[in-house]
Protein backbone atom coordinates (compact mmCIF):
# COMPACT_ATOMS: atom_id res chain seq x y z
CA MET A 1 -4.26 6.77 6.97
CA TYR A 2 -2.39 4.65 6.88
CA VAL A 3 -3.17 1.71 3.71
CA ASP A 4 -2.64 -2.37 5.27
CA ARG A 5 -4.17 -4.12 1.91
CA LYS A 6 -1.72 -5.02 -0.87
CA ASP A 7 -3.27 -4.57 -3.69
CA GLU A 8 -3.93 -0.68 -2.41
CA LYS A 9 -0.26 -0.29 -2.17
CA VAL A 10 0.48 -1.91 -5.41
CA MET A 11 -2.46 0.40 -6.81
CA ALA A 12 -1.10 3.71 -5.62
CA LEU A 13 2.53 2.44 -6.09
CA THR A 14 1.97 1.86 -9.68
CA ALA A 15 0.33 5.72 -10.21
CA LEU A 16 3.07 7.29 -9.03
CA MET A 17 5.89 5.23 -11.12
CA LYS A 18 3.01 5.74 -14.36
CA LYS A 19 3.53 9.21 -13.40
CA LEU A 20 7.13 9.80 -12.73
CA GLN A 21 8.30 6.97 -15.25
CA SER A 22 6.28 7.24 -17.35
CA GLU A 23 7.95 5.85 -20.08
CA GLY A 24 8.59 2.78 -18.23
CA GLY A 25 10.50 -0.07 -19.17
CA TYR A 26 9.60 -1.50 -15.14
CA ARG A 27 8.50 -4.87 -14.53
CA ALA A 28 4.78 -4.59 -12.65
CA LEU A 29 5.31 -3.82 -8.86
CA SER A 30 1.98 -6.34 -8.10
CA GLU A 31 5.09 -10.00 -9.30
CA ASP A 32 6.71 -11.51 -6.62
CA ILE A 33 9.77 -10.18 -6.86
CA TYR A 34 8.01 -6.85 -5.16
CA SER A 35 6.24 -8.29 -2.77
CA LYS A 36 8.43 -8.24 0.12
CA ILE A 37 9.28 -4.47 -0.45
CA ILE A 38 5.56 -3.98 -1.15
CA ASP A 39 4.76 -5.18 2.80
CA ALA A 40 7.54 -3.55 4.27
CA THR A 41 7.12 -0.38 2.30
CA MET A 42 4.16 2.50 4.71
CA VAL A 43 2.14 3.21 2.31
CA TYR A 44 -0.68 6.88 3.52
CA LYS A 45 -3.61 7.93 1.81
CA LEU A 46 -4.58 11.66 1.89
CA GLU A 47 -8.82 12.55 2.93
CA VAL A 48 -9.88 15.46 2.52
CA GLN A 49 -11.92 16.55 4.75
CA GLN A 50 -12.77 20.12 3.81
CA LEU A 51 -11.33 21.84 0.40
CA GLN A 52 -11.74 25.53 0.10
CA ALA A 53 -10.28 27.59 -2.93
CA LYS A 54 -9.70 31.11 -3.36
CA TYR A 55 -10.32 32.79 -7.45
CA LYS A 56 -9.41 35.98 -8.83
CA PHE A 57 -11.39 36.77 -12.21
CA GLY A 58 -9.47 40.46 -13.31
CA GLN A 59 -11.86 42.19 -10.77
CA HIS A 60 -8.59 44.09 -9.54
CA ILE A 61 -6.80 45.12 -12.76
CA SER A 62 -6.67 47.43 -15.08
CA LYS A 63 -9.50 47.47 -17.78
CA GLU A 64 -6.71 47.15 -20.26
CA ARG A 65 -5.21 44.31 -18.93
CA PHE A 66 -8.47 42.68 -18.60
CA GLU A 67 -9.51 43.46 -22.52
CA MET A 68 -6.17 41.67 -23.29
CA ILE A 69 -6.32 38.44 -21.72
CA ILE A 70 -10.23 38.43 -22.48
CA GLU A 71 -8.96 38.95 -25.93
CA TYR A 72 -6.46 36.33 -25.64
CA LEU A 73 -9.00 33.91 -24.49
CA SER A 74 -11.51 34.93 -27.61
CA ALA A 75 -9.07 34.00 -29.74
CA ARG A 76 -7.76 30.70 -28.05
CA GLY A 77 -11.67 29.73 -28.28
CA GLU A 78 -11.80 26.79 -26.00
CA ASP A 79 -15.20 26.15 -23.90
CA ILE A 80 -13.19 26.96 -21.09
CA ASP A 81 -12.69 30.48 -22.70
CA ASN A 82 -15.64 30.67 -22.95
CA ILE A 83 -17.28 30.21 -19.65
CA THR A 84 -14.08 31.59 -18.17
CA ILE A 85 -14.82 35.44 -20.49
CA LYS A 86 -18.50 34.74 -19.23
CA ALA A 87 -17.86 34.64 -15.18
CA MET A 88 -15.14 37.39 -15.86
CA LYS A 89 -17.82 39.93 -17.43
CA GLU A 90 -20.41 39.52 -14.90
CA LEU A 91 -17.75 39.56 -11.92
CA LYS A 92 -15.91 42.60 -13.42
CA ASN A 93 -19.36 43.99 -13.16
CA GLY A 94 -20.73 42.74 -10.10
CA ILE A 95 -23.39 40.98 -11.01
C-alpha cells in the first residue's frame, strides 16, 4: 500500500535512518529542507495478511546434542531459556 501522508513518510524514513545510521549526525527529516525530497519519495507499507512459522526444538537431534543444548540454556539461565527448555523437553517426549 502506498503511503501518501507526509507525516507517515517522515516517521517511516526516520526509523530507517535511525536503524541504518544509529550514530546520528543527520538533520530531522521533518525540516523544511527535506520537504520536496519527502514529497518526491515513494514509501510503501506492507500489511501482513497471514503469518506462518516453523520451529524446531530439538525433536530430531541426537540425545547427546539435545542434552548439550539443554545444558547450555540452563547455564545461561534467562527466563526465555527456561521456557525453551520446557518446550524442548515436552516436544522431545511427545507431551
